[in-house]
Amino acid sequence: MGRGRAKAKQTKVARALKYGGPQTDFDRLQAELATGDHPVEAEAIEVDEPVEDPYASDPYAKYYDEDDDEESSPR
């Protein structure tokens, strides 16, 4: 009980969004597309940058053996 008002309001909002969407300024859009001016230029990103070893400064990293963790069983 009491759902009727809430549903009516949601329906009203949904219809307003569906049929009365934002107004587009087509003259401004045409002028922007005709001049080719774009406000944001994309920068090239280099992908082949070397990755630093996160454990290079760890003094105990040389004692770590990855094979020990794979087949460890509880004792």
PDB file of N, CA and C in Angstrom:
ATOM      1  N   MET A   1       0.826  -1.166   0.000  1.00  0.00           N
ATOM      2  CA  MET A   1       0.000   0.000   0.000  1.00  0.00           C
ATOM      3  C   MET A   1       0.883   1.246   0.000  1.00  0.00           C
ATOM      4  N   GLY A   2       0.463   2.270  -0.683  1.00  0.00           N
ATOM      5  CA  GLY A   2       1.253   3.487  -0.720  1.00  0.00           C
ATOM      6  C   GLY A   2       2.251   3.529  -1.863  1.00  0.00           C
ATOM      7  N   ARG A   3       2.259   2.504  -2.689  1.00  0.00           N
ATOM      8  CA  ARG A   3       3.226   2.464  -3.790  1.00  0.00           C
ATOM      9  C   ARG A   3       2.742   3.271  -4.989  1.00  0.00           C
ATOM     10  N   GLY A   4       1.504   3.598  -5.066  1.00  0.00           N
ATOM     11  CA  GLY A   4       0.934   4.285  -6.215  1.00  0.00           C
ATOM     12  C   GLY A   4       1.572   5.621  -6.507  1.00  0.00           C
ATOM     13  N   ARG A   5       1.770   6.442  -5.488  1.00  0.00           N
ATOM     14  CA  ARG A   5       2.391   7.757  -5.707  1.00  0.00           C
ATOM     15  C   ARG A   5       3.831   7.634  -6.158  1.00  0.00           C
ATOM     16  N   ALA A   6       4.572   6.745  -5.518  1.00  0.00           N
ATOM     17  CA  ALA A   6       5.985   6.573  -5.881  1.00  0.00           C
ATOM     18  C   ALA A   6       6.113   6.096  -7.322  1.00  0.00           C
ATOM     19  N   LYS A   7       5.267   5.131  -7.695  1.00  0.00           N
ATOM     20  CA  LYS A   7       5.316   4.618  -9.066  1.00  0.00           C
ATOM     21  C   LYS A   7       4.913   5.690 -10.070  1.00  0.00           C
ATOM     22  N   ALA A   8       3.925   6.494  -9.743  1.00  0.00           N
ATOM     23  CA  ALA A   8       3.488   7.557 -10.642  1.00  0.00           C
ATOM     24  C   ALA A   8       4.599   8.585 -10.839  1.00  0.00           C
ATOM     25  N   LYS A   9       5.306   8.887  -9.763  1.00  0.00           N
ATOM     26  CA  LYS A   9       6.400   9.854  -9.867  1.00  0.00           C
ATOM     27  C   LYS A   9       7.541   9.292 -10.716  1.00  0.00           C
ATOM     28  N   GLN A  10       7.864   8.005 -10.523  1.00  0.00           N
ATOM     29  CA  GLN A  10       8.919   7.388 -11.324  1.00  0.00           C
ATOM     30  C   GLN A  10       8.537   7.364 -12.801  1.00  0.00           C
ATOM     31  N   THR A  11       7.270   7.086 -13.081  1.00  0.00           N
ATOM     32  CA  THR A  11       6.790   7.071 -14.463  1.00  0.00           C
ATOM     33  C   THR A  11       6.887   8.455 -15.081  1.00  0.00           C
ATOM     34  N   LYS A  12       6.527   9.471 -14.308  1.00  0.00           N
ATOM     35  CA  LYS A  12       6.592  10.858 -14.794  1.00  0.00           C
ATOM     36  C   LYS A  12       8.029  11.245 -15.123  1.00  0.00           C
ATOM     37  N   VAL A  13       8.943  10.894 -14.226  1.00  0.00           N
ATOM     38  CA  VAL A  13      10.354  11.223 -14.460  1.00  0.00           C
ATOM     39  C   VAL A  13      10.884  10.465 -15.673  1.00  0.00           C
ATOM     40  N   ALA A  14      10.528   9.188 -15.791  1.00  0.00           N
ATOM     41  CA  ALA A  14      10.998   8.385 -16.920  1.00  0.00           C
ATOM     42  C   ALA A  14      10.500   8.952 -18.244  1.00  0.00           C
ATOM     43  N   ARG A  15       9.232   9.360 -18.283  1.00  0.00           N
ATOM     44  CA  ARG A  15       8.691   9.951 -19.515  1.00  0.00           C
ATOM     45  C   ARG A  15       9.371  11.269 -19.850  1.00  0.00           C
ATOM     46  N   ALA A  16       9.645  12.068 -18.827  1.00  0.00           N
ATOM     47  CA  ALA A  16      10.317  13.347 -19.065  1.00  0.00           C
ATOM     48  C   ALA A  16      11.708  13.130 -19.647  1.00  0.00           C
ATOM     49  N   LEU A  17      12.419  12.108 -19.149  1.00  0.00           N
ATOM     50  CA  LEU A  17      13.747  11.819 -19.680  1.00  0.00           C
ATOM     51  C   LEU A  17      13.683  11.239 -21.086  1.00  0.00           C
ATOM     52  N   LYS A  18      12.687  10.406 -21.338  1.00  0.00           N
ATOM     53  CA  LYS A  18      12.583   9.757 -22.637  1.00  0.00           C
ATOM     54  C   LYS A  18      12.184  10.727 -23.743  1.00  0.00           C
ATOM     55  N   TYR A  19      11.184  11.545 -23.486  1.00  0.00           N
ATOM     56  CA  TYR A  19      10.639  12.404 -24.539  1.00  0.00           C
ATOM     57  C   TYR A  19      11.139  13.844 -24.494  1.00  0.00           C
ATOM     58  N   GLY A  20      11.594  14.296 -23.375  1.00  0.00           N
ATOM     59  CA  GLY A  20      12.022  15.688 -23.271  1.00  0.00           C
ATOM     60  C   GLY A  20      13.487  15.798 -22.879  1.00  0.00           C
ATOM     61  N   GLY A  21      14.317  15.053 -23.577  1.00  0.00           N
ATOM     62  CA  GLY A  21      15.742  15.019 -23.265  1.00  0.00           C
ATOM     63  C   GLY A  21      16.410  16.374 -23.441  1.00  0.00           C
ATOM     64  N   PRO A  22      17.688  16.416 -23.231  1.00  0.00           N
ATOM     65  CA  PRO A  22      18.416  17.680 -23.345  1.00  0.00           C
ATOM     66  C   PRO A  22      18.351  18.230 -24.771  1.00  0.00           C
ATOM     67  N   GLN A  23      18.261  19.527 -24.867  1.00  0.00           N
ATOM     68  CA  GLN A  23      18.192  20.189 -26.160  1.00  0.00           C
ATOM     69  C   GLN A  23      19.596  20.342 -26.737  1.00  0.00           C
ATOM     70  N   THR A  24      19.782  19.934 -27.971  1.00  0.00           N
ATOM     71  CA  THR A  24      21.076  19.996 -28.628  1.00  0.00           C
ATOM     72  C   THR A  24      21.171  21.265 -29.463  1.00  0.00           C
ATOM     73  N   ASP A  25      22.281  21.974 -29.301  1.00  0.00           N
ATOM     74  CA  ASP A  25      22.531  23.178 -30.093  1.00  0.00           C
ATOM     75  C   ASP A  25      23.256  22.748 -31.368  1.00  0.00           C
ATOM     76  N   PHE A  26      22.486  22.490 -32.425  1.00  0.00           N
ATOM     77  CA  PHE A  26      23.050  21.954 -33.650  1.00  0.00           C
ATOM     78  C   PHE A  26      23.945  22.953 -34.373  1.00  0.00           C
ATOM     79  N   ASP A  27      23.668  24.255 -34.246  1.00  0.00           N
ATOM     80  CA  ASP A  27      24.523  25.256 -34.886  1.00  0.00           C
ATOM     81  C   ASP A  27      25.923  25.247 -34.273  1.00  0.00           C
ATOM     82  N   ARG A  28      25.976  25.178 -32.965  1.00  0.00           N
ATOM     83  CA  ARG A  28      27.271  25.137 -32.276  1.00  0.00           C
ATOM     84  C   ARG A  28      28.013  23.844 -32.599  1.00  0.00           C
ATOM     85  N   LEU A  29      27.296  22.725 -32.654  1.00  0.00           N
ATOM     86  CA  LEU A  29      27.900  21.447 -32.998  1.00  0.00           C
ATOM     87  C   LEU A  29      28.462  21.473 -34.418  1.00  0.00           C
ATOM     88  N   GLN A  30      27.723  22.038 -35.341  1.00  0.00           N
ATOM     89  CA  GLN A  30      28.190  22.117 -36.722  1.00  0.00           C
ATOM     90  C   GLN A  30      29.425  22.998 -36.832  1.00  0.00           C
ATOM     91  N   ALA A  31      29.430  24.118 -36.103  1.00  0.00           N
ATOM     92  CA  ALA A  31      30.592  25.004 -36.136  1.00  0.00           C
ATOM     93  C   ALA A  31      31.829  24.314 -35.563  1.00  0.00           C
ATOM     94  N   GLU A  32      31.644  23.554 -34.487  1.00  0.00           N
ATOM     95  CA  GLU A  32      32.774  22.859 -33.875  1.00  0.00           C
ATOM     96  C   GLU A  32      33.318  21.771 -34.792  1.00  0.00           C
ATOM     97  N   LEU A  33      32.424  21.033 -35.450  1.00  0.00           N
ATOM     98  CA  LEU A  33      32.875  19.984 -36.353  1.00  0.00           C
ATOM     99  C   LEU A  33      33.504  20.548 -37.620  1.00  0.00           C
ATOM    100  N   ALA A  34      33.034  21.685 -38.076  1.00  0.00           N
ATOM    101  CA  ALA A  34      33.562  22.281 -39.296  1.00  0.00           C
ATOM    102  C   ALA A  34      34.966  22.823 -39.096  1.00  0.00           C
ATOM    103  N   THR A  35      35.242  23.402 -37.944  1.00  0.00           N
ATOM    104  CA  THR A  35      36.568  23.976 -37.710  1.00  0.00           C
ATOM    105  C   THR A  35      37.591  22.917 -37.340  1.00  0.00           C
ATOM    106  N   GLY A  36      37.142  21.799 -36.784  1.00  0.00           N
ATOM    107  CA  GLY A  36      38.071  20.750 -36.396  1.00  0.00           C
ATOM    108  C   GLY A  36      38.772  21.042 -35.083  1.00  0.00           C
ATOM    109  N   ASP A  37      38.344  22.062 -34.352  1.00  0.00           N
ATOM    110  CA  ASP A  37      38.950  22.361 -33.058  1.00  0.00           C
ATOM    111  C   ASP A  37      38.440  21.369 -32.024  1.00  0.00           C
ATOM    112  N   HIS A  38      39.368  20.730 -31.396  1.00  0.00           N
ATOM    113  CA  HIS A  38      39.013  19.790 -30.335  1.00  0.00           C
ATOM    114  C   HIS A  38      39.640  20.300 -29.043  1.00  0.00           C
ATOM    115  N   PRO A  39      38.873  20.423 -27.984  1.00  0.00           N
ATOM    116  CA  PRO A  39      39.392  20.985 -26.749  1.00  0.00           C
ATOM    117  C   PRO A  39      40.467  20.132 -26.076  1.00  0.00           C
ATOM    118  N   VAL A  40      40.437  18.824 -26.268  1.00  0.00           N
ATOM    119  CA  VAL A  40      41.399  17.951 -25.598  1.00  0.00           C
ATOM    120  C   VAL A  40      42.133  17.131 -26.640  1.00  0.00           C
ATOM    121  N   GLU A  41      43.440  17.195 -26.604  1.00  0.00           N
ATOM    122  CA  GLU A  41      44.260  16.395 -27.494  1.00  0.00           C
ATOM    123  C   GLU A  41      44.785  15.198 -26.714  1.00  0.00           C
ATOM    124  N   ALA A  42      44.727  14.034 -27.312  1.00  0.00           N
ATOM    125  CA  ALA A  42      45.223  12.829 -26.646  1.00  0.00           C
ATOM    126  C   ALA A  42      46.741  12.767 -26.782  1.00  0.00           C
ATOM    127  N   GLU A  43      47.400  12.393 -25.691  1.00  0.00           N
ATOM    128  CA  GLU A  43      48.855  12.250 -25.707  1.00  0.00           C
ATOM    129  C   GLU A  43      49.210  10.793 -25.949  1.00  0.00           C
ATOM    130  N   ALA A  44      50.310  10.584 -26.645  1.00  0.00           N
ATOM    131  CA  ALA A  44      50.771   9.224 -26.885  1.00  0.00           C
ATOM    132  C   ALA A  44      51.384   8.670 -25.602  1.00  0.00           C
ATOM    133  N   ILE A  45      51.075   7.426 -25.321  1.00  0.00           N
ATOM    134  CA  ILE A  45      51.581   6.781 -24.117  1.00  0.00           C
ATOM    135  C   ILE A  45      52.552   5.693 -24.545  1.00  0.00           C
ATOM    136  N   GLU A  46      53.755   5.741 -23.981  1.00  0.00           N
ATOM    137  CA  GLU A  46      54.742   4.717 -24.288  1.00  0.00           C
ATOM    138  C   GLU A  46      54.449   3.478 -23.458  1.00  0.00           C
ATOM    139  N   VAL A  47      54.449   2.335 -24.139  1.00  0.00           N
ATOM    140  CA  VAL A  47      54.122   1.093 -23.466  1.00  0.00           C
ATOM    141  C   VAL A  47      55.375   0.311 -23.100  1.00  0.00           C
ATOM    142  N   ASP A  48      56.456   0.530 -23.806  1.00  0.00           N
ATOM    143  CA  ASP A  48      57.661  -0.266 -23.625  1.00  0.00           C
ATOM    144  C   ASP A  48      58.599   0.295 -22.554  1.00  0.00           C
ATOM    145  N   GLU A  49      58.040   0.825 -21.487  1.00  0.00           N
ATOM    146  CA  GLU A  49      58.882   1.331 -20.408  1.00  0.00           C
ATOM    147  C   GLU A  49      59.308   0.175 -19.520  1.00  0.00           C
ATOM    148  N   PRO A  50      60.554   0.169 -19.075  1.00  0.00           N
ATOM    149  CA  PRO A  50      60.992  -0.910 -18.190  1.00  0.00           C
ATOM    150  C   PRO A  50      60.283  -0.830 -16.836  1.00  0.00           C
ATOM    151  N   VAL A  51      59.952  -1.987 -16.302  1.00  0.00           N
ATOM    152  CA  VAL A  51      59.267  -2.068 -15.025  1.00  0.00           C
ATOM    153  C   VAL A  51      60.300  -2.380 -13.952  1.00  0.00           C
ATOM    154  N   GLU A  52      60.285  -1.597 -12.884  1.00  0.00           N
ATOM    155  CA  GLU A  52      61.231  -1.829 -11.801  1.00  0.00           C
ATOM    156  C   GLU A  52      60.801  -3.034 -10.981  1.00  0.00           C
ATOM    157  N   ASP A  53      61.780  -3.742 -10.453  1.00  0.00           N
ATOM    158  CA  ASP A  53      61.505  -4.884  -9.598  1.00  0.00           C
ATOM    159  C   ASP A  53      61.076  -4.373  -8.228  1.00  0.00           C
ATOM    160  N   PRO A  54      59.857  -4.703  -7.773  1.00  0.00           N
ATOM    161  CA  PRO A  54      59.399  -4.194  -6.485  1.00  0.00           C
ATOM    162  C   PRO A  54      60.170  -4.784  -5.315  1.00  0.00           C
ATOM    163  N   TYR A  55      60.856  -5.889  -5.536  1.00  0.00           N
ATOM    164  CA  TYR A  55      61.604  -6.539  -4.453  1.00  0.00           C
ATOM    165  C   TYR A  55      63.107  -6.278  -4.534  1.00  0.00           C
ATOM    166  N   ALA A  56      63.511  -5.342  -5.369  1.00  0.00           N
ATOM    167  CA  ALA A  56      64.935  -5.074  -5.543  1.00  0.00           C
ATOM    168  C   ALA A  56      65.580  -4.568  -4.253  1.00  0.00           C
ATOM    169  N   SER A  57      64.858  -3.828  -3.438  1.00  0.00           N
ATOM    170  CA  SER A  57      65.433  -3.281  -2.211  1.00  0.00           C
ATOM    171  C   SER A  57      65.235  -4.208  -1.013  1.00  0.00           C
ATOM    172  N   ASP A  58      64.566  -5.350  -1.201  1.00  0.00           N
ATOM    173  CA  ASP A  58      64.326  -6.285  -0.097  1.00  0.00           C
ATOM    174  C   ASP A  58      65.568  -7.162   0.099  1.00  0.00           C
ATOM    175  N   PRO A  59      66.206  -7.090   1.261  1.00  0.00           N
ATOM    176  CA  PRO A  59      67.434  -7.867   1.464  1.00  0.00           C
ATOM    177  C   PRO A  59      67.161  -9.375   1.577  1.00  0.00           C
ATOM    178  N   TYR A  60      65.932  -9.771   1.859  1.00  0.00           N
ATOM    179  CA  TYR A  60      65.623 -11.191   2.030  1.00  0.00           C
ATOM    180  C   TYR A  60      65.040 -11.836   0.772  1.00  0.00           C
ATOM    181  N   ALA A  61      64.886 -11.066  -0.290  1.00  0.00           N
ATOM    182  CA  ALA A  61      64.299 -11.592  -1.512  1.00  0.00           C
ATOM    183  C   ALA A  61      65.148 -12.690  -2.127  1.00  0.00           C
ATOM    184  N   LYS A  62      66.440 -12.640  -1.936  1.00  0.00           N
ATOM    185  CA  LYS A  62      67.301 -13.668  -2.533  1.00  0.00           C
ATOM    186  C   LYS A  62      67.123 -15.022  -1.853  1.00  0.00           C
ATOM    187  N   TYR A  63      66.558 -15.067  -0.661  1.00  0.00           N
ATOM    188  CA  TYR A  63      66.341 -16.319   0.052  1.00  0.00           C
ATOM    189  C   TYR A  63      64.982 -16.948  -0.263  1.00  0.00           C
ATOM    190  N   TYR A  64      64.131 -16.237  -0.961  1.00  0.00           N
ATOM    191  CA  TYR A  64      62.786 -16.732  -1.272  1.00  0.00           C
ATOM    192  C   TYR A  64      62.864 -17.707  -2.435  1.00  0.00           C
ATOM    193  N   ASP A  65      62.246 -18.854  -2.273  1.00  0.00           N
ATOM    194  CA  ASP A  65      62.210 -19.853  -3.333  1.00  0.00           C
ATOM    195  C   ASP A  65      60.752 -20.106  -3.677  1.00  0.00           C
ATOM    196  N   GLU A  66      60.350 -19.794  -4.903  1.00  0.00           N
ATOM    197  CA  GLU A  66      58.952 -19.923  -5.316  1.00  0.00           C
ATOM    198  C   GLU A  66      58.489 -21.375  -5.328  1.00  0.00           C
ATOM    199  N   ASP A  67      59.372 -22.316  -5.553  1.00  0.00           N
ATOM    200  CA  ASP A  67      58.988 -23.725  -5.626  1.00  0.00           C
ATOM    201  C   ASP A  67      58.510 -24.258  -4.274  1.00  0.00           C
ATOM    202  N   ASP A  68      58.964 -23.683  -3.195  1.00  0.00           N
ATOM    203  CA  ASP A  68      58.557 -24.151  -1.862  1.00  0.00           C
ATOM    204  C   ASP A  68      57.077 -23.914  -1.605  1.00  0.00           C
ATOM    205  N   ASP A  69      56.521 -22.852  -2.142  1.00  0.00           N
ATOM    206  CA  ASP A  69      55.116 -22.510  -1.877  1.00  0.00           C
ATOM    207  C   ASP A  69      54.134 -23.340  -2.688  1.00  0.00           C
ATOM    208  N   GLU A  70      54.546 -23.861  -3.823  1.00  0.00           N
ATOM    209  CA  GLU A  70      53.625 -24.560  -4.697  1.00  0.00           C
ATOM    210  C   GLU A  70      53.132 -25.879  -4.124  1.00  0.00           C
ATOM    211  N   GLU A  71      54.014 -26.672  -3.548  1.00  0.00           N
ATOM    212  CA  GLU A  71      53.627 -27.992  -3.088  1.00  0.00           C
ATOM    213  C   GLU A  71      53.753 -28.119  -1.572  1.00  0.00           C
ATOM    214  N   SER A  72      53.484 -27.070  -0.854  1.00  0.00           N
ATOM    215  CA  SER A  72      53.586 -27.167   0.592  1.00  0.00           C
ATOM    216  C   SER A  72      52.340 -27.850   1.134  1.00  0.00           C
ATOM    217  N   SER A  73      52.550 -28.725   2.079  1.00  0.00           N
ATOM    218  CA  SER A  73      51.433 -29.425   2.704  1.00  0.00           C
ATOM    219  C   SER A  73      51.479 -29.188   4.204  1.00  0.00           C
ATOM    220  N   PRO A  74      50.337 -29.182   4.864  1.00  0.00           N
ATOM    221  CA  PRO A  74      50.332 -28.964   6.312  1.00  0.00           C
ATOM    222  C   PRO A  74      50.997 -30.129   7.027  1.00  0.00           C
ATOM    223  N   ARG A  75      51.744 -29.826   8.039  1.00  0.00           N
ATOM    224  CA  ARG A  75      52.481 -30.872   8.769  1.00  0.00           C
ATOM    225  C   ARG A  75      51.787 -31.289  10.005  1.00  0.00           C
TER     226      ARG A  75
END
